[in-house]
């Protein structure tokens, strides 16, 4: 039963790391999409590239700003998982 609790804890930690890694990219993209959607609804302009290009630019900026922090987070999680392997094998 302890093994199941251990793996559930690892899975929970993995989901938390995933949420922390995705949030700096998804939140700005969602905000830009919402603002541009309201602008499109107000002006009745239905152009697909009107939303795609600004989202692409915002995602590139978000990755440039927070990309190193995301990689550090993922590397730390990976190191921690690899360090736990001997405890699991025993």
N, C-alpha and C. Protein backbone atom coordinates (compact mmCIF):
# COMPACT_ATOMS: atom_id res chain seq x y z
N UNK A 1 0.82 -1.20 0.00
CA UNK A 1 0.00 0.00 0.00
C UNK A 1 0.86 1.25 0.00
N UNK A 2 2.03 1.18 0.61
CA UNK A 2 2.91 2.34 0.65
C UNK A 2 3.41 2.69 -0.73
N UNK A 3 3.62 1.67 -1.58
CA UNK A 3 4.06 1.93 -2.95
C UNK A 3 3.01 2.70 -3.73
N UNK A 4 1.75 2.35 -3.53
CA UNK A 4 0.68 3.06 -4.22
C UNK A 4 0.61 4.51 -3.76
N UNK A 5 0.79 4.75 -2.48
CA UNK A 5 0.80 6.12 -1.98
C UNK A 5 1.98 6.90 -2.54
N UNK A 6 3.10 6.23 -2.64
CA UNK A 6 4.30 6.88 -3.18
C UNK A 6 4.07 7.30 -4.64
N UNK A 7 3.54 6.39 -5.44
CA UNK A 7 3.32 6.70 -6.85
C UNK A 7 2.21 7.73 -7.04
N UNK A 8 1.23 7.73 -6.18
CA UNK A 8 0.20 8.77 -6.24
C UNK A 8 0.80 10.14 -5.92
N UNK A 9 1.73 10.17 -4.97
CA UNK A 9 2.41 11.42 -4.65
C UNK A 9 3.26 11.91 -5.79
N UNK A 10 3.94 11.00 -6.46
CA UNK A 10 4.76 11.38 -7.62
C UNK A 10 3.87 11.89 -8.75
N UNK A 11 2.75 11.22 -8.97
CA UNK A 11 1.83 11.66 -10.02
C UNK A 11 1.24 13.03 -9.69
N UNK A 12 0.91 13.25 -8.43
CA UNK A 12 0.39 14.56 -8.02
C UNK A 12 1.44 15.64 -8.21
N UNK A 13 2.68 15.34 -7.85
CA UNK A 13 3.76 16.30 -8.03
C UNK A 13 4.01 16.56 -9.51
N UNK A 14 3.91 15.54 -10.34
CA UNK A 14 4.10 15.71 -11.78
C UNK A 14 3.02 16.60 -12.38
N UNK A 15 1.79 16.43 -11.94
CA UNK A 15 0.71 17.30 -12.43
C UNK A 15 0.90 18.74 -11.98
N UNK A 16 1.39 18.93 -10.76
CA UNK A 16 1.65 20.28 -10.26
C UNK A 16 2.77 20.95 -11.06
N UNK A 17 3.84 20.21 -11.34
CA UNK A 17 4.94 20.74 -12.14
C UNK A 17 4.46 21.07 -13.55
N UNK A 18 3.60 20.21 -14.10
CA UNK A 18 3.04 20.47 -15.42
C UNK A 18 2.22 21.76 -15.43
N UNK A 19 1.42 21.96 -14.41
CA UNK A 19 0.62 23.20 -14.33
C UNK A 19 1.51 24.42 -14.20
N UNK A 20 2.56 24.31 -13.39
CA UNK A 20 3.48 25.44 -13.22
C UNK A 20 4.26 25.72 -14.49
N UNK A 21 4.56 24.69 -15.26
CA UNK A 21 5.32 24.89 -16.50
C UNK A 21 4.45 25.47 -17.61
N UNK A 22 3.18 25.12 -17.63
CA UNK A 22 2.30 25.58 -18.70
C UNK A 22 1.68 26.95 -18.44
N UNK A 23 1.52 27.31 -17.20
CA UNK A 23 0.81 28.55 -16.86
C UNK A 23 1.45 29.81 -17.46
N UNK A 24 2.78 29.98 -17.41
CA UNK A 24 3.33 31.22 -17.98
C UNK A 24 3.13 31.36 -19.48
N UNK A 25 2.80 30.27 -20.16
CA UNK A 25 2.56 30.34 -21.60
C UNK A 25 1.07 30.45 -21.88
N UNK A 26 0.27 29.66 -21.18
CA UNK A 26 -1.16 29.61 -21.48
C UNK A 26 -1.93 30.84 -21.03
N UNK A 27 -1.59 31.37 -19.86
CA UNK A 27 -2.36 32.51 -19.34
C UNK A 27 -2.27 33.74 -20.24
N UNK A 28 -1.07 34.17 -20.68
CA UNK A 28 -1.04 35.31 -21.62
C UNK A 28 -1.74 35.02 -22.95
N UNK A 29 -1.62 33.78 -23.45
CA UNK A 29 -2.29 33.44 -24.70
C UNK A 29 -3.81 33.49 -24.53
N UNK A 30 -4.32 33.03 -23.39
CA UNK A 30 -5.76 33.09 -23.15
C UNK A 30 -6.25 34.53 -23.03
N UNK A 31 -5.48 35.36 -22.36
CA UNK A 31 -5.88 36.77 -22.20
C UNK A 31 -5.90 37.47 -23.55
N UNK A 32 -4.86 37.26 -24.36
CA UNK A 32 -4.82 37.88 -25.69
C UNK A 32 -5.96 37.36 -26.56
N UNK A 33 -6.24 36.06 -26.48
CA UNK A 33 -7.35 35.51 -27.26
C UNK A 33 -8.69 36.09 -26.84
N UNK A 34 -8.87 36.29 -25.54
CA UNK A 34 -10.12 36.88 -25.05
C UNK A 34 -10.27 38.32 -25.53
N UNK A 35 -9.21 39.10 -25.41
CA UNK A 35 -9.28 40.51 -25.83
C UNK A 35 -9.52 40.61 -27.33
N UNK A 36 -8.80 39.81 -28.11
CA UNK A 36 -8.98 39.86 -29.56
C UNK A 36 -10.35 39.32 -29.97
N UNK A 37 -10.86 38.35 -29.24
CA UNK A 37 -12.21 37.85 -29.52
C UNK A 37 -13.26 38.92 -29.29
N UNK A 38 -13.08 39.70 -28.23
CA UNK A 38 -14.03 40.80 -27.97
C UNK A 38 -13.92 41.86 -29.05
N UNK A 39 -12.70 42.15 -29.50
CA UNK A 39 -12.51 43.13 -30.57
C UNK A 39 -13.15 42.63 -31.86
N UNK A 40 -12.96 41.34 -32.16
CA UNK A 40 -13.58 40.78 -33.37
C UNK A 40 -15.10 40.80 -33.28
N UNK A 41 -15.64 40.54 -32.12
CA UNK A 41 -17.09 40.56 -31.96
C UNK A 41 -17.63 41.97 -32.09
N UNK A 42 -16.88 42.94 -31.60
CA UNK A 42 -17.35 44.33 -31.66
C UNK A 42 -17.26 44.89 -33.08
N UNK A 43 -16.25 44.46 -33.83
CA UNK A 43 -16.05 45.02 -35.17
C UNK A 43 -16.57 44.12 -36.28
N UNK A 44 -17.03 42.91 -35.96
CA UNK A 44 -17.51 41.92 -36.93
C UNK A 44 -16.45 41.55 -37.96
N UNK A 45 -15.18 41.57 -37.54
CA UNK A 45 -14.09 41.13 -38.41
C UNK A 45 -13.77 39.69 -38.01
N UNK A 46 -13.98 38.77 -38.93
CA UNK A 46 -13.71 37.36 -38.66
C UNK A 46 -12.52 36.90 -39.48
N UNK A 47 -11.35 37.29 -39.07
CA UNK A 47 -10.12 36.94 -39.75
C UNK A 47 -9.32 36.01 -38.83
N UNK A 48 -8.95 34.84 -39.32
CA UNK A 48 -8.24 33.87 -38.49
C UNK A 48 -6.84 34.34 -38.12
N UNK A 49 -6.17 35.01 -39.04
CA UNK A 49 -4.81 35.47 -38.76
C UNK A 49 -4.79 36.62 -37.78
N UNK A 50 -5.90 37.29 -37.61
CA UNK A 50 -5.97 38.40 -36.67
C UNK A 50 -5.74 37.93 -35.24
N UNK A 51 -6.15 36.71 -34.92
CA UNK A 51 -5.92 36.18 -33.58
C UNK A 51 -4.65 35.34 -33.52
N UNK A 52 -4.28 34.71 -34.62
CA UNK A 52 -3.13 33.80 -34.61
C UNK A 52 -1.81 34.53 -34.43
N UNK A 53 -1.60 35.58 -35.18
CA UNK A 53 -0.31 36.29 -35.14
C UNK A 53 -0.05 36.95 -33.78
N UNK A 54 -1.00 37.68 -33.19
CA UNK A 54 -0.72 38.25 -31.86
C UNK A 54 -0.50 37.19 -30.78
N UNK A 55 -1.24 36.07 -30.85
CA UNK A 55 -1.01 35.00 -29.89
C UNK A 55 0.38 34.41 -30.05
N UNK A 56 0.80 34.24 -31.29
CA UNK A 56 2.13 33.71 -31.56
C UNK A 56 3.21 34.63 -31.00
N UNK A 57 3.02 35.93 -31.17
CA UNK A 57 3.99 36.90 -30.65
C UNK A 57 4.01 36.88 -29.13
N UNK A 58 2.83 36.84 -28.50
CA UNK A 58 2.76 36.82 -27.03
C UNK A 58 3.37 35.54 -26.48
N UNK A 59 3.13 34.41 -27.13
CA UNK A 59 3.73 33.15 -26.67
C UNK A 59 5.24 33.19 -26.81
N UNK A 60 5.75 33.77 -27.88
CA UNK A 60 7.20 33.89 -28.05
C UNK A 60 7.80 34.77 -26.96
N UNK A 61 7.13 35.86 -26.63
CA UNK A 61 7.62 36.75 -25.57
C UNK A 61 7.56 36.04 -24.22
N UNK A 62 6.47 35.32 -23.96
CA UNK A 62 6.35 34.59 -22.69
C UNK A 62 7.42 33.52 -22.56
N UNK A 63 7.72 32.83 -23.66
CA UNK A 63 8.78 31.83 -23.62
C UNK A 63 10.15 32.47 -23.42
N UNK A 64 10.36 33.63 -24.03
CA UNK A 64 11.64 34.31 -23.84
C UNK A 64 11.82 34.76 -22.40
N UNK A 65 10.74 35.20 -21.77
CA UNK A 65 10.83 35.69 -20.39
C UNK A 65 10.91 34.55 -19.39
N UNK A 66 10.04 33.54 -19.55
CA UNK A 66 9.94 32.50 -18.52
C UNK A 66 10.48 31.15 -18.95
N UNK A 67 11.07 31.06 -20.12
CA UNK A 67 11.56 29.78 -20.61
C UNK A 67 12.63 29.17 -19.74
N UNK A 68 13.55 29.97 -19.25
CA UNK A 68 14.62 29.43 -18.41
C UNK A 68 14.07 28.93 -17.07
N UNK A 69 13.10 29.64 -16.52
CA UNK A 69 12.50 29.18 -15.26
C UNK A 69 11.75 27.87 -15.45
N UNK A 70 11.09 27.73 -16.58
CA UNK A 70 10.37 26.49 -16.87
C UNK A 70 11.36 25.33 -17.01
N UNK A 71 12.45 25.57 -17.72
CA UNK A 71 13.45 24.51 -17.89
C UNK A 71 14.10 24.13 -16.56
N UNK A 72 14.36 25.10 -15.71
CA UNK A 72 14.92 24.80 -14.39
C UNK A 72 13.94 23.98 -13.57
N UNK A 73 12.67 24.33 -13.62
CA UNK A 73 11.63 23.58 -12.90
C UNK A 73 11.57 22.14 -13.37
N UNK A 74 11.57 21.95 -14.69
CA UNK A 74 11.51 20.59 -15.23
C UNK A 74 12.79 19.81 -14.93
N UNK A 75 13.94 20.46 -14.99
CA UNK A 75 15.20 19.78 -14.69
C UNK A 75 15.27 19.38 -13.22
N UNK A 76 14.82 20.23 -12.32
CA UNK A 76 14.80 19.89 -10.90
C UNK A 76 13.87 18.71 -10.62
N UNK A 77 12.71 18.71 -11.25
CA UNK A 77 11.78 17.61 -11.07
C UNK A 77 12.38 16.30 -11.59
N UNK A 78 13.02 16.37 -12.74
CA UNK A 78 13.63 15.17 -13.32
C UNK A 78 14.75 14.65 -12.44
N UNK A 79 15.60 15.55 -11.92
CA UNK A 79 16.67 15.13 -11.02
C UNK A 79 16.10 14.47 -9.76
N UNK A 80 15.03 15.04 -9.24
CA UNK A 80 14.41 14.47 -8.04
C UNK A 80 13.84 13.08 -8.30
N UNK A 81 13.20 12.91 -9.44
CA UNK A 81 12.66 11.59 -9.79
C UNK A 81 13.79 10.58 -9.97
N UNK A 82 14.86 10.97 -10.66
CA UNK A 82 15.99 10.05 -10.85
C UNK A 82 16.68 9.73 -9.53
N UNK A 83 16.72 10.68 -8.61
CA UNK A 83 17.34 10.43 -7.31
C UNK A 83 16.52 9.44 -6.48
N UNK A 84 15.22 9.37 -6.75
CA UNK A 84 14.35 8.45 -5.99
C UNK A 84 14.37 7.02 -6.53
N UNK A 85 14.97 6.79 -7.67
CA UNK A 85 14.95 5.45 -8.28
C UNK A 85 15.55 4.39 -7.36
N UNK A 86 16.68 4.62 -6.70
CA UNK A 86 17.19 3.55 -5.81
C UNK A 86 16.24 3.20 -4.67
N UNK A 87 15.48 4.15 -4.18
CA UNK A 87 14.52 3.85 -3.11
C UNK A 87 13.37 2.99 -3.62
N UNK A 88 13.00 3.16 -4.88
CA UNK A 88 11.90 2.38 -5.45
C UNK A 88 12.34 0.94 -5.71
N UNK A 89 13.56 0.78 -6.20
CA UNK A 89 14.04 -0.53 -6.61
C UNK A 89 14.23 -1.46 -5.42
N UNK A 90 14.60 -0.92 -4.27
CA UNK A 90 14.84 -1.76 -3.09
C UNK A 90 13.65 -2.51 -2.64
